[in-house]
N, C-alpha and C. Protein backbone atom coordinates (compact mmCIF):
# COMPACT_ATOMS: atom_id res chain seq x y z
N MET A 1 -2.45 -7.16 -14.42
CA MET A 1 -1.53 -6.54 -13.50
C MET A 1 -2.03 -6.68 -12.07
N GLU A 2 -1.10 -6.74 -11.17
CA GLU A 2 -1.42 -6.69 -9.74
C GLU A 2 -1.35 -5.24 -9.30
N ARG A 3 -2.08 -4.91 -8.27
CA ARG A 3 -1.94 -3.58 -7.68
C ARG A 3 -0.91 -3.65 -6.56
N LEU A 4 -0.07 -2.63 -6.51
CA LEU A 4 0.86 -2.45 -5.40
C LEU A 4 0.40 -1.20 -4.68
N PHE A 5 0.07 -1.32 -3.42
CA PHE A 5 -0.44 -0.20 -2.63
C PHE A 5 0.69 0.37 -1.79
N ALA A 6 0.95 1.66 -1.94
CA ALA A 6 2.03 2.34 -1.22
C ALA A 6 1.45 3.52 -0.45
N ALA A 7 1.64 3.52 0.87
CA ALA A 7 1.17 4.60 1.73
C ALA A 7 2.16 5.75 1.71
N LEU A 8 1.67 6.97 1.57
CA LEU A 8 2.55 8.13 1.68
C LEU A 8 2.79 8.51 3.13
N ASN A 9 1.75 8.50 3.93
CA ASN A 9 1.86 9.00 5.30
C ASN A 9 1.46 7.93 6.32
N GLY A 10 1.98 6.73 6.13
CA GLY A 10 1.73 5.66 7.09
C GLY A 10 2.38 5.96 8.43
N PRO A 11 2.08 5.16 9.43
CA PRO A 11 2.60 5.44 10.77
C PRO A 11 4.06 5.08 10.97
N GLY A 12 4.72 5.92 11.72
CA GLY A 12 5.94 5.68 12.43
C GLY A 12 7.26 5.30 11.79
N ASP A 13 8.07 4.78 12.68
CA ASP A 13 9.42 4.35 12.35
C ASP A 13 9.57 2.89 12.77
N CYS A 14 10.76 2.34 12.69
CA CYS A 14 10.97 0.91 12.97
C CYS A 14 10.52 0.50 14.37
N ALA A 15 10.52 1.39 15.33
CA ALA A 15 10.09 1.05 16.69
C ALA A 15 8.57 0.88 16.77
N ASN A 16 7.84 1.35 15.78
CA ASN A 16 6.38 1.28 15.77
C ASN A 16 5.95 -0.02 15.08
N PRO A 17 5.25 -0.92 15.76
CA PRO A 17 4.84 -2.17 15.11
C PRO A 17 3.85 -1.95 13.97
N GLN A 18 3.24 -0.77 13.90
CA GLN A 18 2.31 -0.45 12.82
C GLN A 18 3.00 0.27 11.66
N ARG A 19 4.32 0.37 11.70
CA ARG A 19 5.12 1.08 10.70
C ARG A 19 4.71 0.71 9.28
N LYS A 20 4.55 1.73 8.42
CA LYS A 20 4.12 1.47 7.04
C LYS A 20 4.35 2.71 6.21
N GLY A 21 4.79 2.54 4.97
CA GLY A 21 4.73 3.60 4.00
C GLY A 21 6.04 4.26 3.63
N LEU A 22 5.92 5.14 2.65
CA LEU A 22 7.08 5.82 2.09
C LEU A 22 7.71 6.79 3.08
N PHE A 23 6.89 7.49 3.88
CA PHE A 23 7.43 8.41 4.88
C PHE A 23 8.29 7.64 5.88
N ALA A 24 7.80 6.49 6.35
CA ALA A 24 8.57 5.68 7.30
C ALA A 24 9.87 5.22 6.66
N ALA A 25 9.83 4.81 5.40
CA ALA A 25 11.04 4.33 4.71
C ALA A 25 12.08 5.44 4.58
N VAL A 26 11.63 6.64 4.28
CA VAL A 26 12.56 7.77 4.13
C VAL A 26 13.16 8.16 5.48
N THR A 27 12.35 8.12 6.54
CA THR A 27 12.84 8.58 7.84
C THR A 27 13.71 7.55 8.56
N ASP A 28 13.45 6.24 8.34
CA ASP A 28 14.27 5.27 9.07
C ASP A 28 15.15 4.40 8.16
N GLY A 29 15.02 4.54 6.84
CA GLY A 29 15.91 3.85 5.92
C GLY A 29 15.62 2.38 5.68
N HIS A 30 14.48 1.90 6.16
CA HIS A 30 14.12 0.50 5.96
C HIS A 30 12.98 0.39 4.93
N ARG A 31 12.64 -0.83 4.54
CA ARG A 31 11.64 -1.03 3.49
C ARG A 31 10.29 -0.42 3.88
N PRO A 32 9.49 -0.03 2.88
CA PRO A 32 8.24 0.65 3.18
C PRO A 32 7.08 -0.26 3.57
N ASN A 33 7.22 -1.60 3.45
CA ASN A 33 6.13 -2.52 3.76
C ASN A 33 4.91 -2.27 2.89
N ASN A 34 5.10 -2.19 1.59
CA ASN A 34 3.97 -2.02 0.67
C ASN A 34 3.11 -3.27 0.66
N THR A 35 1.93 -3.16 0.10
CA THR A 35 0.99 -4.28 0.00
C THR A 35 0.74 -4.56 -1.47
N ILE A 36 0.75 -5.85 -1.86
CA ILE A 36 0.40 -6.19 -3.23
C ILE A 36 -0.95 -6.90 -3.24
N GLY A 37 -1.63 -6.79 -4.39
CA GLY A 37 -2.99 -7.31 -4.50
C GLY A 37 -3.08 -8.82 -4.49
N GLY A 38 -2.12 -9.51 -5.04
CA GLY A 38 -2.17 -10.97 -5.10
C GLY A 38 -0.91 -11.59 -4.54
N ILE A 39 -1.05 -12.67 -3.84
CA ILE A 39 0.11 -13.35 -3.27
C ILE A 39 0.69 -14.26 -4.34
N PRO A 40 1.96 -14.07 -4.69
CA PRO A 40 2.56 -14.79 -5.82
C PRO A 40 2.40 -16.30 -5.79
N THR A 41 2.51 -16.92 -4.65
CA THR A 41 2.45 -18.38 -4.60
C THR A 41 1.04 -18.93 -4.45
N ILE A 42 0.05 -18.04 -4.28
CA ILE A 42 -1.34 -18.48 -4.09
C ILE A 42 -2.24 -18.07 -5.26
N ALA A 43 -2.14 -16.82 -5.70
CA ALA A 43 -3.04 -16.31 -6.74
C ALA A 43 -2.72 -16.93 -8.10
N ASN A 44 -3.66 -17.64 -8.67
CA ASN A 44 -3.45 -18.26 -9.98
C ASN A 44 -3.29 -17.25 -11.10
N ASP A 45 -3.85 -16.04 -10.90
CA ASP A 45 -3.76 -15.00 -11.93
C ASP A 45 -2.68 -13.96 -11.61
N TYR A 46 -1.74 -14.31 -10.73
CA TYR A 46 -0.69 -13.38 -10.33
C TYR A 46 0.10 -12.88 -11.54
N SER A 47 0.46 -11.61 -11.51
CA SER A 47 1.28 -11.01 -12.56
C SER A 47 2.48 -10.32 -11.93
N PRO A 48 3.66 -10.40 -12.57
CA PRO A 48 4.83 -9.68 -12.05
C PRO A 48 4.78 -8.19 -12.37
N LEU A 49 3.78 -7.74 -13.14
CA LEU A 49 3.62 -6.32 -13.41
C LEU A 49 2.73 -5.72 -12.33
N TRP A 50 3.28 -4.75 -11.61
CA TRP A 50 2.57 -4.15 -10.49
C TRP A 50 2.21 -2.70 -10.83
N ASP A 51 0.93 -2.37 -10.71
CA ASP A 51 0.41 -1.03 -10.94
C ASP A 51 0.41 -0.30 -9.60
N VAL A 52 1.25 0.71 -9.45
CA VAL A 52 1.42 1.40 -8.16
C VAL A 52 0.21 2.30 -7.88
N ASN A 53 -0.45 2.04 -6.76
CA ASN A 53 -1.57 2.84 -6.26
C ASN A 53 -1.12 3.49 -4.96
N VAL A 54 -0.85 4.78 -5.00
CA VAL A 54 -0.37 5.51 -3.83
C VAL A 54 -1.57 6.06 -3.07
N TYR A 55 -1.54 5.92 -1.74
CA TYR A 55 -2.64 6.45 -0.94
C TYR A 55 -2.11 7.24 0.25
N GLU A 56 -3.00 8.09 0.76
CA GLU A 56 -2.74 8.88 1.97
C GLU A 56 -3.89 8.70 2.94
N TRP A 57 -3.54 8.67 4.21
CA TRP A 57 -4.56 8.73 5.24
C TRP A 57 -5.09 10.15 5.30
N THR A 58 -6.40 10.32 5.43
CA THR A 58 -6.98 11.66 5.54
C THR A 58 -6.70 12.21 6.93
N PRO A 59 -6.71 13.54 7.08
CA PRO A 59 -6.53 14.12 8.41
C PRO A 59 -7.59 13.62 9.40
N ASP A 60 -8.82 13.41 8.94
CA ASP A 60 -9.88 12.91 9.81
C ASP A 60 -9.56 11.49 10.30
N ALA A 61 -9.07 10.63 9.41
CA ALA A 61 -8.72 9.27 9.80
C ALA A 61 -7.58 9.27 10.83
N ILE A 62 -6.61 10.15 10.63
CA ILE A 62 -5.48 10.25 11.58
C ILE A 62 -5.98 10.75 12.93
N ALA A 63 -6.84 11.79 12.91
CA ALA A 63 -7.37 12.35 14.16
C ALA A 63 -8.18 11.31 14.94
N GLN A 64 -8.85 10.40 14.23
CA GLN A 64 -9.66 9.37 14.89
C GLN A 64 -8.82 8.14 15.28
N GLY A 65 -7.52 8.16 14.96
CA GLY A 65 -6.64 7.07 15.35
C GLY A 65 -6.73 5.84 14.45
N TYR A 66 -7.22 6.01 13.22
CA TYR A 66 -7.36 4.88 12.31
C TYR A 66 -6.07 4.51 11.58
N ARG A 67 -5.13 5.42 11.51
CA ARG A 67 -3.90 5.17 10.75
C ARG A 67 -3.16 3.98 11.35
N SER A 68 -2.92 2.97 10.52
CA SER A 68 -2.28 1.74 10.97
C SER A 68 -1.63 1.06 9.78
N GLN A 69 -1.00 -0.06 10.05
CA GLN A 69 -0.38 -0.82 8.97
C GLN A 69 -1.47 -1.63 8.27
N LEU A 70 -1.61 -1.43 6.97
CA LEU A 70 -2.61 -2.16 6.18
C LEU A 70 -1.90 -3.24 5.39
N ARG A 71 -2.42 -4.46 5.44
CA ARG A 71 -1.73 -5.58 4.84
C ARG A 71 -2.54 -6.32 3.78
N GLU A 72 -3.74 -5.86 3.48
CA GLU A 72 -4.60 -6.62 2.60
C GLU A 72 -5.34 -5.69 1.63
N GLU A 73 -5.41 -6.09 0.38
CA GLU A 73 -6.00 -5.27 -0.69
C GLU A 73 -7.41 -4.80 -0.36
N PHE A 74 -8.28 -5.69 0.07
CA PHE A 74 -9.68 -5.31 0.29
C PHE A 74 -9.86 -4.46 1.53
N GLN A 75 -8.96 -4.58 2.48
CA GLN A 75 -8.95 -3.68 3.64
C GLN A 75 -8.67 -2.25 3.15
N ILE A 76 -7.69 -2.10 2.28
CA ILE A 76 -7.35 -0.79 1.73
C ILE A 76 -8.50 -0.23 0.91
N LEU A 77 -9.06 -1.04 0.03
CA LEU A 77 -10.15 -0.58 -0.83
C LEU A 77 -11.39 -0.19 -0.02
N THR A 78 -11.65 -0.89 1.08
CA THR A 78 -12.78 -0.53 1.94
C THR A 78 -12.53 0.82 2.60
N LEU A 79 -11.31 1.07 3.06
CA LEU A 79 -11.00 2.37 3.67
C LEU A 79 -11.05 3.51 2.66
N VAL A 80 -10.73 3.22 1.41
CA VAL A 80 -10.90 4.22 0.34
C VAL A 80 -12.39 4.51 0.17
N GLN A 81 -13.19 3.47 0.07
CA GLN A 81 -14.64 3.62 -0.10
C GLN A 81 -15.27 4.39 1.05
N ASP A 82 -14.76 4.16 2.26
CA ASP A 82 -15.30 4.83 3.44
C ASP A 82 -14.75 6.24 3.64
N GLY A 83 -13.82 6.68 2.77
CA GLY A 83 -13.31 8.04 2.81
C GLY A 83 -12.14 8.28 3.75
N PHE A 84 -11.52 7.21 4.26
CA PHE A 84 -10.39 7.38 5.17
C PHE A 84 -9.05 7.40 4.45
N LEU A 85 -9.02 6.93 3.21
CA LEU A 85 -7.83 6.97 2.36
C LEU A 85 -8.17 7.67 1.06
N THR A 86 -7.21 8.45 0.55
CA THR A 86 -7.37 9.12 -0.74
C THR A 86 -6.08 8.95 -1.53
N GLY A 87 -6.07 9.48 -2.74
CA GLY A 87 -4.83 9.60 -3.47
C GLY A 87 -4.00 10.73 -2.87
N PRO A 88 -2.80 10.96 -3.39
CA PRO A 88 -1.93 12.02 -2.86
C PRO A 88 -2.61 13.38 -2.86
N GLY A 89 -2.47 14.10 -1.75
CA GLY A 89 -3.02 15.46 -1.65
C GLY A 89 -4.53 15.53 -1.70
N GLY A 90 -5.21 14.43 -1.37
CA GLY A 90 -6.66 14.41 -1.40
C GLY A 90 -7.25 14.11 -2.76
N SER A 91 -6.41 13.79 -3.73
CA SER A 91 -6.90 13.46 -5.07
C SER A 91 -7.62 12.11 -5.05
N PRO A 92 -8.39 11.80 -6.10
CA PRO A 92 -9.05 10.48 -6.13
C PRO A 92 -8.02 9.35 -6.09
N PHE A 93 -8.35 8.29 -5.39
CA PHE A 93 -7.49 7.12 -5.28
C PHE A 93 -7.49 6.36 -6.60
N GLY A 94 -6.34 5.82 -6.97
CA GLY A 94 -6.25 4.98 -8.17
C GLY A 94 -4.82 4.83 -8.63
N SER A 95 -4.68 4.39 -9.85
CA SER A 95 -3.36 4.15 -10.42
C SER A 95 -2.55 5.43 -10.50
N SER A 96 -1.27 5.33 -10.17
CA SER A 96 -0.38 6.48 -10.30
C SER A 96 0.18 6.59 -11.72
N GLY A 97 -0.04 5.52 -12.52
CA GLY A 97 0.54 5.48 -13.87
C GLY A 97 1.93 4.88 -13.88
N ILE A 98 2.42 4.45 -12.72
CA ILE A 98 3.74 3.83 -12.63
C ILE A 98 3.55 2.32 -12.59
N ILE A 99 4.25 1.61 -13.45
CA ILE A 99 4.20 0.15 -13.49
C ILE A 99 5.58 -0.38 -13.09
N VAL A 100 5.60 -1.31 -12.16
CA VAL A 100 6.83 -1.94 -11.69
C VAL A 100 6.86 -3.36 -12.23
N ASN A 101 7.98 -3.75 -12.83
CA ASN A 101 8.15 -5.12 -13.31
C ASN A 101 8.99 -5.85 -12.27
N CYS A 102 8.35 -6.74 -11.50
CA CYS A 102 9.04 -7.37 -10.38
C CYS A 102 8.62 -8.83 -10.26
N PRO A 103 9.22 -9.71 -11.05
CA PRO A 103 8.86 -11.13 -10.92
C PRO A 103 9.62 -11.76 -9.74
N PRO A 104 9.00 -11.77 -8.54
CA PRO A 104 9.71 -12.21 -7.34
C PRO A 104 9.83 -13.71 -7.16
N VAL A 105 8.98 -14.50 -7.82
CA VAL A 105 8.99 -15.95 -7.59
C VAL A 105 8.73 -16.68 -8.89
N GLN A 106 9.02 -17.95 -8.87
CA GLN A 106 8.69 -18.82 -9.99
C GLN A 106 7.60 -19.76 -9.51
N ARG A 107 6.53 -19.88 -10.27
CA ARG A 107 5.44 -20.79 -9.90
C ARG A 107 5.73 -22.15 -10.51
N LEU A 108 5.74 -23.15 -9.69
CA LEU A 108 5.95 -24.52 -10.16
C LEU A 108 4.61 -25.25 -10.16
N PHE A 109 4.23 -25.77 -11.30
CA PHE A 109 2.95 -26.48 -11.40
C PHE A 109 3.16 -27.97 -11.35
């Protein structure tokens, strides 16, 4: 499975170039700009099954101005390791238990 990373409290609305997450999608009605672990046309082990990993920016990260649009799996995992991202409500980061079946492309060999 691929991981799909979804921010709960990402920054802003459509006018914000750093816009990201479920809060932004609910407030402005546009896509949430989630991040997936593997790029379908590049990753040889890509899977259309996506394991949803929901994260939140910590209050400390927001106060320090770190909240931004995250576009890469290892960037997100590093911020989790450094304590700037957690699971919802401060819970441990990881799988939400929700699996999305989304085969977006066909790989031609």
